[in-house]
Protein backbone atom coordinates (compact mmCIF):
# COMPACT_ATOMS: atom_id res chain seq x y z
CA MET A 1 -0.23 -0.21 0.11
CA ASN A 2 1.19 3.37 -1.06
CA LEU A 3 0.69 6.62 0.83
CA ALA A 4 0.82 10.34 -0.48
CA VAL A 5 4.15 12.77 0.10
CA VAL A 6 2.21 16.09 -0.24
CA THR A 7 4.45 18.00 -3.03
CA GLU A 8 4.43 21.65 -3.76
CA ALA A 9 5.07 21.90 -7.55
CA GLU A 10 4.29 24.64 -10.33
CA TRP A 11 2.81 21.49 -12.06
CA ALA A 12 -0.04 20.51 -9.53
CA GLY A 13 -3.26 20.89 -10.43
CA ASP A 14 -5.12 21.80 -7.37
CA ALA A 15 -5.19 25.94 -6.86
CA SER A 16 -3.00 25.47 -3.51
CA GLY A 17 -0.19 24.04 -5.59
CA LEU A 18 -0.16 20.66 -3.71
CA SER A 19 -0.38 17.42 -4.57
CA GLY A 20 -0.46 14.10 -3.27
CA ILE A 21 0.37 12.09 -6.71
CA ASP A 22 4.03 11.16 -5.63
CA LYS A 23 3.14 8.15 -3.44
CA ARG A 24 5.55 5.89 -1.20
CA PRO A 25 5.19 2.45 0.28
CA ALA A 26 3.64 2.95 3.77
CA ALA A 27 4.95 0.44 6.87
CA GLY A 28 2.27 -1.91 8.36
CA ARG A 29 -0.94 -2.19 7.75
CA VAL A 30 -3.28 0.87 6.40
CA ALA A 31 -6.91 1.41 6.60
CA VAL A 32 -8.77 1.44 3.82
CA ARG A 33 -12.00 3.42 4.53
CA VAL A 34 -15.16 4.05 1.73
CA ASP A 35 -14.23 7.44 1.02
CA GLY A 36 -10.29 6.60 0.61
CA VAL A 37 -7.19 5.36 2.26
CA VAL A 38 -6.47 6.44 5.55
CA GLY A 39 -3.34 8.41 5.82
CA ASP A 40 -3.31 9.58 1.70
CA PHE A 41 -3.31 12.82 1.10
CA ILE A 42 -5.86 14.23 -2.30
CA ALA A 43 -5.40 17.59 -3.25
CA GLU A 44 -8.04 18.10 -6.17
CA ARG A 45 -10.86 16.96 -4.58
CA ALA A 46 -12.92 18.08 -7.61
CA HIS A 47 -11.44 15.23 -10.18
CA HIS A 48 -9.68 12.63 -7.19
CA GLY A 49 -11.02 10.91 -4.60
CA GLY A 50 -14.57 10.13 -3.33
CA PRO A 51 -16.89 6.70 -3.45
CA ASP A 52 -15.92 5.53 -6.67
CA GLN A 53 -12.19 6.62 -6.60
CA ALA A 54 -11.36 5.54 -3.25
CA VAL A 55 -8.28 3.55 -4.09
CA TYR A 56 -6.29 3.26 -7.51
CA ALA A 57 -4.63 0.13 -8.40
CA TYR A 58 -2.15 0.11 -11.28
CA ALA A 59 -0.25 -3.25 -12.24
CA THR A 60 3.77 -3.56 -11.47
CA GLU A 61 3.82 -5.27 -14.95
CA ASP A 62 2.73 -2.17 -16.66
CA ALA A 63 5.44 -0.35 -14.41
CA ASP A 64 7.87 -2.44 -15.54
CA TRP A 65 6.65 -1.36 -19.58
CA TRP A 66 6.83 2.09 -18.51
CA ALA A 67 10.54 1.96 -16.91
CA ALA A 68 11.56 0.16 -20.13
CA GLU A 69 10.05 2.88 -22.41
CA LEU A 70 11.36 5.46 -20.41
CA GLY A 71 14.84 4.00 -19.24
CA ARG A 72 14.51 5.12 -15.89
CA ALA A 73 13.30 3.44 -12.18
CA LEU A 74 9.54 3.69 -11.61
CA PRO A 75 9.26 2.06 -8.04
CA PRO A 76 6.16 1.71 -6.21
CA GLY A 77 3.47 4.47 -6.00
CA ARG A 78 4.99 6.90 -8.90
CA PHE A 79 1.88 6.55 -10.58
CA GLY A 80 -0.02 7.87 -7.71
CA GLU A 81 -1.45 4.41 -7.30
CA ASN A 82 -2.43 3.19 -3.84
CA LEU A 83 -2.05 -0.38 -4.21
CA SER A 84 0.78 -1.53 -6.88
CA THR A 85 -0.16 -5.09 -7.67
CA LEU A 86 1.24 -8.02 -9.13
CA GLY A 87 -0.07 -10.90 -11.03
CA VAL A 88 -3.33 -9.19 -11.45
CA ASP A 89 -4.59 -7.94 -14.90
CA VAL A 90 -5.65 -4.72 -14.09
CA THR A 91 -6.45 -4.01 -17.54
CA GLY A 92 -8.29 -6.63 -18.10
CA ALA A 93 -10.05 -6.43 -15.15
CA VAL A 94 -13.97 -6.37 -15.32
CA ILE A 95 -16.20 -3.40 -13.97
CA GLY A 96 -17.66 -4.43 -10.77
CA GLU A 97 -15.14 -6.82 -10.47
CA GLN A 98 -14.80 -7.42 -6.66
CA TRP A 99 -11.59 -7.80 -4.76
CA ALA A 100 -10.73 -9.43 -1.51
CA ILE A 101 -7.61 -7.78 -0.06
CA GLY A 102 -6.13 -8.10 3.78
CA SER A 103 -9.84 -7.55 5.65
CA ALA A 104 -11.39 -5.05 2.73
CA LEU A 105 -13.57 -5.93 -0.16
CA LEU A 106 -12.69 -3.56 -2.92
CA GLN A 107 -14.65 -3.20 -6.17
CA VAL A 108 -13.21 -2.31 -9.71
CA THR A 109 -15.18 1.03 -10.88
CA LYS A 110 -13.44 2.66 -13.84
CA PRO A 111 -9.89 3.45 -15.32
CA ARG A 112 -7.90 6.43 -14.85
CA THR A 113 -7.88 9.65 -17.17
CA PRO A 114 -4.11 10.96 -17.16
CA CYS A 115 -3.78 14.54 -16.41
CA ARG A 116 -1.33 17.18 -16.78
CA THR A 117 -0.47 16.81 -13.14
CA PHE A 118 0.38 13.40 -14.17
CA ALA A 119 2.75 14.86 -17.24
CA GLY A 120 4.65 17.22 -14.68
CA PHE A 121 5.24 14.83 -11.64
CA TRP A 122 7.63 12.68 -14.75
CA GLY A 123 8.89 15.36 -16.32
CA VAL A 124 7.14 14.24 -19.87
CA PRO A 125 5.78 16.94 -21.50
CA ASP A 126 3.77 14.33 -23.93
CA LEU A 127 2.99 11.85 -21.13
CA VAL A 128 -0.47 12.27 -21.47
CA LYS A 129 -0.53 11.46 -25.11
CA ARG A 130 1.69 8.37 -24.66
CA PHE A 131 -0.26 6.69 -21.47
CA THR A 132 -3.40 7.37 -23.74
CA ALA A 133 -1.96 5.27 -26.52
CA ARG A 134 -0.73 2.85 -24.50
CA ALA A 135 -4.02 2.23 -22.43
CA ALA A 136 -2.86 0.46 -19.55
CA PRO A 137 -4.18 3.01 -17.41
CA GLY A 138 -4.95 1.26 -14.12
CA ALA A 139 -8.37 1.12 -11.92
CA TYR A 140 -10.34 2.84 -9.51
CA LEU A 141 -12.13 1.00 -6.71
CA ARG A 142 -14.72 1.69 -4.47
CA VAL A 143 -14.73 0.00 -0.84
CA LEU A 144 -17.57 -2.49 -0.13
CA ARG A 145 -16.02 -3.73 2.64
CA GLU A 146 -13.76 -1.38 5.32
CA GLY A 147 -10.69 -2.93 6.27
CA GLU A 148 -6.94 -3.26 6.17
CA VAL A 149 -4.29 -3.90 3.62
CA ALA A 150 -0.59 -4.36 3.80
CA ALA A 151 2.09 -5.22 1.55
CA GLY A 152 1.72 -8.56 0.61
CA ASP A 153 -1.54 -9.46 0.78
CA PRO A 154 -2.76 -11.10 -1.86
CA VAL A 155 -5.59 -10.15 -4.69
CA GLU A 156 -8.47 -12.50 -4.30
CA VAL A 157 -11.17 -12.24 -7.02
CA ARG A 158 -14.40 -12.94 -5.62
CA ASP A 159 -17.02 -11.92 -7.71
CA ARG A 160 -16.62 -11.21 -12.20
CA PRO A 161 -19.61 -9.81 -13.44
CA ALA A 162 -21.21 -11.62 -16.69
CA HIS A 163 -21.18 -8.56 -19.08
CA GLY A 164 -17.17 -8.30 -19.48
CA VAL A 165 -16.51 -5.03 -20.03
CA THR A 166 -13.39 -4.36 -18.59
CA VAL A 167 -11.42 -1.33 -17.51
CA GLY A 168 -9.38 -1.27 -21.04
CA GLU A 169 -12.33 -1.42 -23.01
CA VAL A 170 -13.73 1.62 -21.03
CA PHE A 171 -10.51 3.54 -21.24
CA ARG A 172 -10.18 2.97 -25.66
CA ALA A 173 -13.98 3.61 -25.43
CA LEU A 174 -13.42 7.07 -24.26
CA ASN A 175 -10.42 8.07 -25.79
CA ARG A 176 -9.47 6.00 -28.59
CA GLU A 177 -12.40 3.69 -29.80
CA PRO A 178 -16.16 5.01 -30.10
CA GLU A 179 -16.96 1.78 -31.35
CA LEU A 180 -16.98 0.34 -28.24
CA LEU A 181 -19.39 3.02 -26.11
CA PRO A 182 -22.43 0.80 -26.76
CA ARG A 183 -20.58 -1.70 -24.42
CA LEU A 184 -20.56 1.00 -21.41
CA LEU A 185 -24.20 0.78 -21.24
CA GLU A 186 -24.05 -2.82 -20.42
CA ALA A 187 -21.52 -2.25 -17.66
CA THR A 188 -24.62 -1.36 -14.53
CA GLU A 189 -21.67 -1.12 -11.99
CA LEU A 190 -19.49 1.94 -14.00
CA PRO A 191 -20.29 5.48 -12.22
CA GLU A 192 -23.62 6.92 -13.77
CA ALA A 193 -21.49 10.05 -14.72
CA ILE A 194 -19.40 7.66 -17.49
CA ARG A 195 -22.47 5.97 -18.41
CA GLU A 196 -24.00 9.34 -18.71
CA LYS A 197 -21.25 10.25 -21.55
CA ALA A 198 -21.82 7.26 -23.19
CA ARG A 199 -25.49 8.08 -23.64
CA ARG A 200 -24.40 11.54 -24.72
CA ARG A 201 -22.17 10.40 -27.27
CA LEU A 202 -24.35 8.12 -28.83
CA GLY A 203 -27.07 10.50 -29.25
CA LEU A 204 -29.24 8.65 -26.82
CA THR A 205 -29.77 11.51 -24.72
CA THR A 206 -31.02 15.20 -24.92
CA ASP A 207 -28.62 16.30 -22.46
CA PRO A 208 -26.35 19.30 -23.31
CA ARG A 209 -23.76 18.28 -21.22
């Protein structure tokens, strides 16, 4: 489990100039609550945090790909992730899939959308474009059962919805492959704001937003 080191920087997206994207491995067990990870820091709460984004997971295997691509070490937490998973297909995780980790039960909700804060933190100006092209965004999770999580706890998939819509499909539908948008309407576990966005793009609503 990784927790934020509060960083003050010009690239921080929050008006305060602070960011919690720089996360480092925490010692011992960490409490996970419905509204987020205890001890973590989130500056820009208009776009980060909340029940549908309580925990962020990124696969070590995907981090290793980026390390090779950029020729630099990317230790746990460099993606701003709370959970650095190993042996878990995060991109292929199904929306609504339930993970038992430690004493907590989490549910996959949606992919992460890269932002300029992420690019600034890494010092890679075109990172958003490259991250979008790679389409391995990591997954946000909501907390179905509060509990405690520590490094080394296995991720046990307890339930996987039959619709089969994955984190990767949602990301590609919203950013690269609009032909996948109808699939998003099959995943009732997706946050309603994303399902509404899909409806608007498909012309299924008169909501002008």
